[in-house]
Amino acid sequence: MIEPEDCEFHDRDPDDWTWTETTALIFSVPEAGILGNAYVLARPNLGVALSSVALGQGICRQAGELDFNDCQIHLPCPESFTDYSLANGLSVKVSNAPRDYHFRYQHVLGHCSFDLHFEALHHPFDMHDPMQNALLSAADSTATHDTKGDGWATGHFEVKGHITGSLELRGKRYDVDCYEGMDHSWGPRRDVGTWAVSWISVNFGPELAMHLAVDMAIEDGTVHYRDLRFGYVTENGETRSLVFAEVEAVRVDMITVSNRIKVRDVNGKEWEFRGSAVAGHPWHSFNPRDVCYQSLHRYEYGGRVGYGEMGDIFGLDYLSEHMSRHGRKR
């Protein structure tokens, strides 16, 4: 179970340079087709941090088409992970831990700024708690040096929330009022880049929201979605583990433009969604080892409209092994 202190840097071997802690916030302005990210990766034993802020409107097939991209590495690592400001202009403060966050950002040249409050819909989901994650296995509890994307292998929580505030993007102001997710991971991480995993979010508000992580494989140049790694649904105040997922997607330049998602929870309840992208782009800058082909999909269910990020994350070495001229798994 996630405790308030899990928002902070965790106890660790001070000699382990690979120890990593991350915070990721996804947000959107669906009516304007804007998908945004605020990401922090800290290595407290090294005293450095990486932070990436990226926003795109509509379908951006190339990285240079994103409306804003600010990734900075080798920033001084903060002393605390619950109340800090980074040298790139991003500030994060936790309240009502481990549920609520306040994210503020001011670009040094004034090209982008936001002030966003994240209010959790539920207590954070602990993928390492067998009382919460019905799929928990030894593989999910042991770091594998990133051979399966296990940046979350030592510790990880996911939480859905209501995000409100304001965004200014290159002189144009937007109100932000969306439902999305954020997370925090911690543990040893070598960032080898040999993984492929899809990070999928579906949000209709407090009544229904879900997150799932699904393995991917590239075979003969085609991306296939495989096993559910972990996932959960929060429905009218109750959070339950997912136990099955089936995912298909149509993509252009690796960016998903439509999808079909079928899931089942631990109680046997099933849902099926079909999404169409209102935004999408390649997010190259959240970690030098990866590219995230990220889309914002629109869903309809039970007479309601919802939105959610779908991020197909590939280690660059994984892509090279499967798609390059020297790739041995082409």
Foldseek 3Di string as FASTA:
>chain_A
DDDLCVLKDDDDDLPQQQKKKKKKDWFADVVQQKIWIWMKIDRVSVQWIKIKIFMAHFADLAPVRTLDIDIDTRWGGDPISAFDATPQAWTKHDDPPPFKMWIWGAGPVRQKIWTKIWGFLAHWQWCCDCVAWVPDDVQQQDDDQCLADNLQSPTKTKTKTWMWTWMAHRRDIDTTTAIAMMMMGTDGHPLPFNHKKKWKKKDQDQAKIKIWIWGWDAAPNDIATHFTPWMWMHHNHDIFTWDGKHKDFDDDSPAGQKMWMWTATPVGDIDIWIWGFRYWYWDCRSDVQKIWGKTKTWTDDPNTIIIMMMTTIGGPVNCCLCPNPPRPRD
